[in-house]
Protein backbone atom coordinates (compact mmCIF):
# COMPACT_ATOMS: atom_id res chain seq x y z
CA MET A 1 168.85 2.45 67.72
CA ASN A 2 171.63 2.67 64.13
CA VAL A 3 170.33 4.41 60.79
CA PHE A 4 170.81 4.54 57.33
CA LEU A 5 170.13 7.19 55.03
CA ASP A 6 170.60 5.91 51.41
CA ASP A 7 167.98 5.97 48.35
CA GLN A 8 169.51 2.86 46.42
CA ARG A 9 172.15 1.16 48.87
CA ALA A 10 171.50 -1.98 51.08
CA CYS A 11 170.50 -1.19 54.73
CA PRO A 12 173.50 -2.90 56.25
CA GLU A 13 172.16 -5.19 58.92
CA GLY A 14 171.87 -4.13 62.62
CA PHE A 15 170.39 -1.00 60.90
CA VAL A 16 166.90 0.98 60.12
CA LEU A 17 167.12 2.43 56.30
CA ALA A 18 165.42 5.32 55.43
CA ARG A 19 165.21 6.66 51.77
CA SER A 20 164.48 9.55 52.26
CA SER A 21 166.11 13.25 54.26
CA GLU A 22 161.98 13.09 54.73
CA GLU A 23 161.84 9.69 57.11
CA CYS A 24 165.10 10.52 58.27
CA GLY A 25 164.54 13.50 60.01
CA LEU A 26 161.08 11.50 61.50
CA LEU A 27 163.67 8.99 62.96
CA LEU A 28 166.18 11.70 64.72
CA GLN A 29 163.27 13.30 65.96
CA GLU A 30 161.58 10.64 67.74
CA CYS A 31 164.21 7.72 68.56
CA GLU A 32 167.93 8.04 69.99
CA ILE A 33 170.00 7.52 67.58
CA ASP A 34 173.69 6.02 68.04
CA VAL A 35 175.06 5.30 64.47
CA LEU A 36 173.69 7.12 61.58
CA SER A 37 174.95 6.93 58.09
CA LEU A 38 174.59 9.92 55.70
CA ASP A 39 174.40 9.38 52.00
CA TYR A 40 173.97 13.29 49.97
CA ASP A 41 172.42 12.72 46.90
CA LEU A 42 168.64 11.19 47.69
CA GLY A 43 167.31 11.39 43.66
CA TRP A 44 166.41 13.94 41.00
CA ASP A 45 165.28 17.00 42.67
CA GLN A 46 164.38 15.38 46.32
CA PRO A 47 166.07 16.84 49.58
CA THR A 48 169.53 15.95 49.87
CA GLY A 49 171.91 14.53 53.26
CA MET A 50 172.42 18.37 53.96
CA ASP A 51 168.61 19.07 54.47
CA VAL A 52 169.77 16.22 57.52
CA VAL A 53 172.58 17.88 58.94
CA ARG A 54 170.51 21.39 58.53
CA LEU A 55 167.47 19.80 60.60
CA MET A 56 170.41 18.37 63.33
CA ILE A 57 171.76 21.60 63.73
CA SER A 58 168.07 23.68 63.77
CA THR A 59 166.58 21.46 66.21
CA HIS A 60 170.23 20.05 68.36
CA ARG A 61 169.14 16.76 68.05
CA TYR A 62 172.56 14.32 66.95
CA PRO A 63 173.42 10.94 67.23
CA ARG A 64 176.50 9.35 68.87
CA GLU A 65 178.38 9.02 65.41
CA ILE A 66 178.14 10.05 62.07
CA TYR A 67 179.26 8.65 59.38
CA LEU A 68 179.40 10.07 55.65
CA HIS A 69 179.64 6.95 53.11
CA SER A 70 178.30 9.35 49.97
CA SER A 71 179.85 9.14 46.75
CA SER A 72 179.48 12.98 45.96
CA PHE A 73 182.70 14.74 46.58
CA VAL A 74 181.09 17.71 47.04
CA GLY A 75 178.20 16.84 49.43
CA ARG A 76 179.89 14.55 51.49
CA LYS A 77 182.43 17.88 52.16
CA ASN A 78 180.07 20.04 52.55
CA MET A 79 178.13 18.32 55.12
CA TYR A 80 181.51 17.57 57.38
CA GLU A 81 182.08 21.24 57.33
CA LEU A 82 179.06 22.05 58.39
CA LEU A 83 179.02 19.48 60.96
CA TYR A 84 182.21 19.62 62.29
CA GLN A 85 181.78 23.32 62.96
CA SER A 86 178.54 22.47 64.81
CA LYS A 87 177.93 19.39 65.98
CA PRO A 88 178.66 19.15 70.50
CA GLU A 89 182.27 18.12 71.34
CA SER A 90 180.88 14.12 72.01
CA VAL A 91 179.84 13.87 68.66
CA LYS A 92 181.66 11.44 66.89
CA LEU A 93 182.28 13.03 63.13
CA ALA A 94 184.00 10.71 60.23
CA ASN A 95 183.85 11.93 57.43
CA GLY A 96 183.91 8.30 55.38
CA PRO A 97 181.72 5.64 55.62
CA ILE A 98 181.26 2.85 58.70
CA PRO A 99 184.56 0.44 59.13
CA TYR A 100 184.30 -3.14 58.58
CA GLU A 101 184.94 -4.17 61.69
CA LYS A 102 182.04 -1.67 63.00
CA LEU A 103 179.46 -2.74 60.40
CA LEU A 104 180.33 -6.11 62.68
CA HIS A 105 180.56 -5.44 65.57
CA ILE A 106 177.15 -3.72 64.68
CA ALA A 107 175.73 -6.66 63.31
CA LYS A 108 176.68 -9.37 65.70
CA THR A 109 175.69 -7.13 68.38
CA ARG A 110 172.15 -7.31 66.89
CA GLN A 111 171.88 -10.90 67.18
CA GLU A 112 172.62 -11.55 70.45
């Protein structure tokens, strides 16, 4: 399963959309996640992507790959720094969005 956390953007093909940190946290706790793409800002006065990062760290439940697609420079930087120092070595972490080629591959794999 691939998860895309965002309160406004359209969900890429081949991903499950989580509109809140709570939804994303439930998916992380109950499912095996291959690719997780995180936004930081999730609406006025709402928990943020950082709350998902803290949940991953406290529960030791990580996806195989984590991408940070947030347009919030500070939020993305803070999530990256905390994940970088806390994640298992086997987890791939990218300080940016999922590359277009990877999105195409995920969409194609889903259609097969």
